[in-house]
Every structure is written in structure tokens, then in C-alpha cells.
Amino acid sequence: MSRIGKQPITIPSGVTVTVSNENVVTVKGPKGELKETIDRDITVEVKDGILTVTRPTDQIRHRALHGLYRALLNNLVKGVTNGYKKELELVGVGFKAANSGNTLDLSLGYSHNIIIEVPKELKVTTVTEKGKNPIVTLEGSDKQLLGQVAAKLRSLRKPEPYKGKGVKFVGEVLRRKAGKAAGK
């Protein structure tokens, strides 16, 4: 059995989970509503506030999907109850971040500012304190969308290994390199 797949998911109070005939699982909670389409071979059952995911056989494909869909459904339940949050830090001289609604305006050392429209499902905030690096905070209930947008923002200027300049996650440890050794 899959170690992750066989674990049941407890549904907190205030969250409703419904499974339709087309294997679409809908999770509603205080932070919103999320849907996930499940493979037709995997069965999902809701009984007494517990969500269980089962597979029909021990084929490699079924074993792989078992743990995957259990993890995805667990992320949905956590997302509609607590939500997810990612913070990005802009390290570099003159790097700035500002937002108006869901439009993010980044100044990352290029000849032009980068303007990004963040999806409406996510909430974006920017903090700029004197003497500290600007921080962009993304919040939302969809873990996949949040991670994708955060990765896109990071890819605009990846941290370089010599000075550490670039967009990095808060708490991310960068592998640093030594610069040129001095000559004779």
C-alpha cells in the first residue's frame, strides 16, 4: 500500500466535500471553493467527516496515482481552511516592488519595469522598509497556482551565486561561490 495514499484525510468543521459522478471532487470552505478532477480508476469516499482514497489494483500506474490524488485532495482541504502563503525577497541595489490591486510592478535592474497581472484567486501585498529588502507576499487557497506564480516571479531574476542578487524565497538558502582570487 502507498504510505501516503492509505492515510485518511480528516475534514474540519465548516468544510464540505462532494464527489460527483464524473470523479470531480469539490471542496468548499471559509477561504473559497476548489475543484480537482480525479482519474476514473481511483475512488474517493466521504464518510463521517473522513475522506478516503482507494485504488483498484496494485499496478504501477494505480500505485502512483493513489498517493498523488490523496496529496492533492489534502492540499485542497488545507487550502480552503488555512490557505497558503509565499514570501519573495528582492535582493539587490535599486530593486523595488509595488502593487495596486493584483497588478505587481517590479524594478529588478533591467532597463524597464516588469508589470505582472497576478491571478484574481491570489492576493498580493508588497512591503518596503528602509534599510531592508522589499518583500512580495502571495496568499491564496490554491497551492498549485500559488507555487506557479511564485516560481514565475522568481524566474524573472534568479539569485546569482556570487553576490546573491535576485528574487529569492524568504528563508531560502543560496549556494554561494567565492569570487576571483587576487593576483600576485
Protein backbone atom coordinates (compact mmCIF):
# COMPACT_ATOMS: atom_id res chain seq x y z
CA MET A 1 0.00 0.00 0.00
CA SER A 2 1.02 3.56 -0.57
CA ARG A 3 2.14 5.14 2.69
CA ILE A 4 0.59 8.47 1.77
CA GLY A 5 -2.39 7.12 -0.18
CA LYS A 6 -3.74 4.94 2.62
CA GLN A 7 -3.84 7.77 5.18
CA PRO A 8 -7.35 9.17 5.63
CA ILE A 9 -7.98 12.91 5.40
CA THR A 10 -10.00 14.37 8.27
CA ILE A 11 -12.38 17.06 7.10
CA PRO A 12 -12.51 20.01 9.54
CA SER A 13 -15.78 21.61 10.56
CA GLY A 14 -17.02 24.24 8.12
CA VAL A 15 -15.64 22.33 5.12
CA THR A 16 -17.86 20.35 2.76
CA VAL A 17 -16.54 17.79 0.28
CA THR A 18 -18.69 16.48 -2.57
CA VAL A 19 -17.80 13.86 -5.18
CA SER A 20 -19.73 13.98 -8.48
CA ASN A 21 -20.31 11.10 -10.91
CA GLU A 22 -17.59 12.37 -13.26
CA ASN A 23 -15.00 11.97 -10.44
CA VAL A 24 -14.80 15.71 -9.79
CA VAL A 25 -14.14 16.47 -6.12
CA THR A 26 -15.38 19.87 -4.93
CA VAL A 27 -14.13 21.25 -1.60
CA LYS A 28 -15.87 24.29 -0.09
CA GLY A 29 -14.63 26.10 2.98
CA PRO A 30 -14.23 29.51 4.59
CA LYS A 31 -11.42 30.52 2.18
CA GLY A 32 -13.26 29.56 -1.02
CA GLU A 33 -14.06 26.65 -3.30
CA LEU A 34 -11.63 24.37 -5.14
CA LYS A 35 -12.17 21.52 -7.62
CA GLU A 36 -9.98 18.60 -8.66
CA THR A 37 -10.66 16.02 -11.38
CA ILE A 38 -9.68 12.55 -10.22
CA ASP A 39 -8.63 9.66 -12.51
CA ARG A 40 -11.54 7.31 -13.28
CA ASP A 41 -9.76 4.30 -11.70
CA ILE A 42 -9.27 5.95 -8.29
CA THR A 43 -12.28 6.03 -5.97
CA VAL A 44 -12.91 8.75 -3.39
CA GLU A 45 -15.33 8.27 -0.49
CA VAL A 46 -16.57 10.66 2.18
CA LYS A 47 -17.93 9.07 5.38
CA ASP A 48 -18.34 10.59 8.86
CA GLY A 49 -16.04 13.56 8.16
CA ILE A 50 -13.24 11.37 6.79
CA LEU A 51 -12.10 11.36 3.16
CA THR A 52 -10.52 8.12 1.89
CA VAL A 53 -8.82 7.43 -1.44
CA THR A 54 -8.63 3.81 -2.70
CA ARG A 55 -7.17 2.14 -5.77
CA PRO A 56 -8.49 -0.94 -7.62
CA THR A 57 -5.25 -2.93 -8.20
CA ASP A 58 -1.55 -2.93 -7.42
CA GLN A 59 -0.49 -1.87 -10.93
CA ILE A 60 2.36 0.63 -11.01
CA ARG A 61 0.09 3.27 -12.54
CA HIS A 62 -2.57 2.83 -9.86
CA ARG A 63 0.02 2.90 -7.08
CA ALA A 64 1.46 6.15 -8.44
CA LEU A 65 -1.95 7.84 -8.78
CA HIS A 66 -3.09 6.69 -5.31
CA GLY A 67 -0.59 8.80 -3.38
CA LEU A 68 -0.78 11.66 -5.85
CA TYR A 69 -4.54 12.20 -5.60
CA ARG A 70 -4.55 11.78 -1.83
CA ALA A 71 -1.90 14.53 -1.56
CA LEU A 72 -3.78 16.80 -3.99
CA LEU A 73 -7.05 16.38 -2.07
CA ASN A 74 -5.25 17.05 1.22
CA ASN A 75 -3.86 20.28 -0.28
CA LEU A 76 -7.40 21.31 -1.27
CA VAL A 77 -8.74 20.73 2.25
CA LYS A 78 -5.84 22.65 3.83
CA GLY A 79 -6.20 25.44 1.28
CA VAL A 80 -9.87 26.16 1.95
CA THR A 81 -9.34 26.10 5.74
CA ASN A 82 -5.98 27.83 6.34
CA GLY A 83 -4.79 28.98 2.92
CA TYR A 84 -1.22 29.14 1.70
CA LYS A 85 1.35 31.93 1.77
CA LYS A 86 4.67 32.51 -0.01
CA GLU A 87 7.05 35.40 0.52
CA LEU A 88 9.65 36.52 -2.00
CA GLU A 89 12.55 38.84 -1.18
CA LEU A 90 14.13 41.18 -3.73
CA VAL A 91 17.87 41.32 -3.01
CA GLY A 92 19.78 43.98 -4.94
CA VAL A 93 20.54 47.67 -5.07
CA GLY A 94 17.58 49.58 -6.50
CA PHE A 95 15.26 46.59 -6.60
CA LYS A 96 11.70 47.76 -5.87
CA ALA A 97 8.23 46.26 -5.69
CA ALA A 98 4.84 47.98 -5.69
CA ASN A 99 1.32 46.76 -6.24
CA SER A 100 -2.05 48.26 -6.99
CA GLY A 101 -4.72 45.61 -6.55
CA ASN A 102 -3.47 42.49 -8.31
CA THR A 103 -1.06 44.34 -10.61
CA LEU A 104 2.54 43.92 -9.48
CA ASP A 105 5.18 46.44 -10.61
CA LEU A 106 8.77 45.16 -10.18
CA SER A 107 12.00 47.04 -10.74
CA LEU A 108 14.71 44.36 -10.99
CA GLY A 109 17.67 46.17 -12.51
CA TYR A 110 16.56 45.92 -16.12
CA SER A 111 16.09 48.96 -18.39
CA HIS A 112 12.33 48.74 -17.83
CA ASN A 113 9.94 47.86 -15.03
CA ILE A 114 8.22 44.49 -15.17
CA ILE A 115 4.45 44.66 -14.73
CA ILE A 116 2.66 41.38 -13.94
CA GLU A 117 -1.05 40.74 -13.58
CA VAL A 118 -1.43 38.26 -10.68
CA PRO A 119 -4.47 35.93 -10.99
CA LYS A 120 -7.54 37.14 -9.12
CA GLU A 121 -7.57 33.98 -6.96
CA LEU A 122 -4.39 35.19 -5.24
CA LYS A 123 -3.85 38.21 -3.01
CA VAL A 124 -0.58 40.10 -3.41
CA THR A 125 0.98 42.59 -0.97
CA THR A 126 4.32 44.37 -1.02
CA VAL A 127 6.33 45.67 1.93
CA THR A 128 9.24 48.09 1.55
CA GLU A 129 11.03 49.19 4.72
CA LYS A 130 14.04 51.47 4.77
CA GLY A 131 17.28 49.53 5.12
CA LYS A 132 15.63 46.20 4.28
CA ASN A 133 14.95 44.32 1.06
CA PRO A 134 11.46 44.64 -0.46
CA ILE A 135 9.20 41.65 0.22
CA VAL A 136 6.36 40.43 -2.02
CA THR A 137 3.76 38.27 -0.25
CA LEU A 138 1.40 35.99 -2.18
CA GLU A 139 -1.60 34.43 -0.43
CA GLY A 140 -4.31 32.09 -1.69
CA SER A 141 -6.13 28.82 -1.22
CA ASP A 142 -4.82 27.04 -4.36
CA LYS A 143 -1.35 25.64 -3.60
CA GLN A 144 -0.57 24.78 -7.23
CA LEU A 145 -1.43 28.23 -8.57
CA LEU A 146 0.43 29.95 -5.73
CA GLY A 147 3.59 27.93 -6.36
CA GLN A 148 3.40 28.52 -10.10
CA VAL A 149 3.07 32.31 -9.76
CA ALA A 150 5.84 32.43 -7.12
CA ALA A 151 8.16 30.41 -9.38
CA LYS A 152 7.37 32.76 -12.30
CA LEU A 153 8.26 35.81 -10.19
CA ARG A 154 11.50 34.15 -9.05
CA SER A 155 12.42 33.29 -12.67
CA LEU A 156 12.37 37.00 -13.62
CA ARG A 157 15.76 37.44 -11.88
CA LYS A 158 17.10 34.24 -10.29
CA PRO A 159 19.56 34.74 -7.42
CA GLU A 160 23.12 34.62 -8.68
CA PRO A 161 25.76 32.69 -6.68
CA TYR A 162 28.40 35.43 -6.23
CA LYS A 163 26.57 38.35 -4.59
CA GLY A 164 23.19 36.70 -4.06
CA LYS A 165 21.33 39.37 -6.05
CA GLY A 166 17.93 38.44 -7.42
CA VAL A 167 14.47 37.33 -6.37
CA LYS A 168 14.52 34.59 -3.73
CA PHE A 169 12.08 32.98 -1.34
CA VAL A 170 12.27 34.20 2.27
CA GLY A 171 14.31 31.63 4.17
CA GLU A 172 15.81 30.11 1.01
CA VAL A 173 19.46 29.15 1.46
CA LEU A 174 21.58 30.02 -1.56
CA ARG A 175 24.76 28.21 -2.50
CA ARG A 176 27.38 30.93 -2.67
CA LYS A 177 30.65 30.87 -4.62
CA ALA A 178 33.94 32.61 -3.91
CA GLY A 179 34.89 35.44 -6.27
CA LYS A 180 38.11 35.80 -8.21
CA ALA A 181 41.27 35.15 -6.20
CA ALA A 182 43.57 38.19 -6.03
CA GLY A 183 46.62 38.17 -8.31
CA LYS A 184 50.29 38.39 -7.22
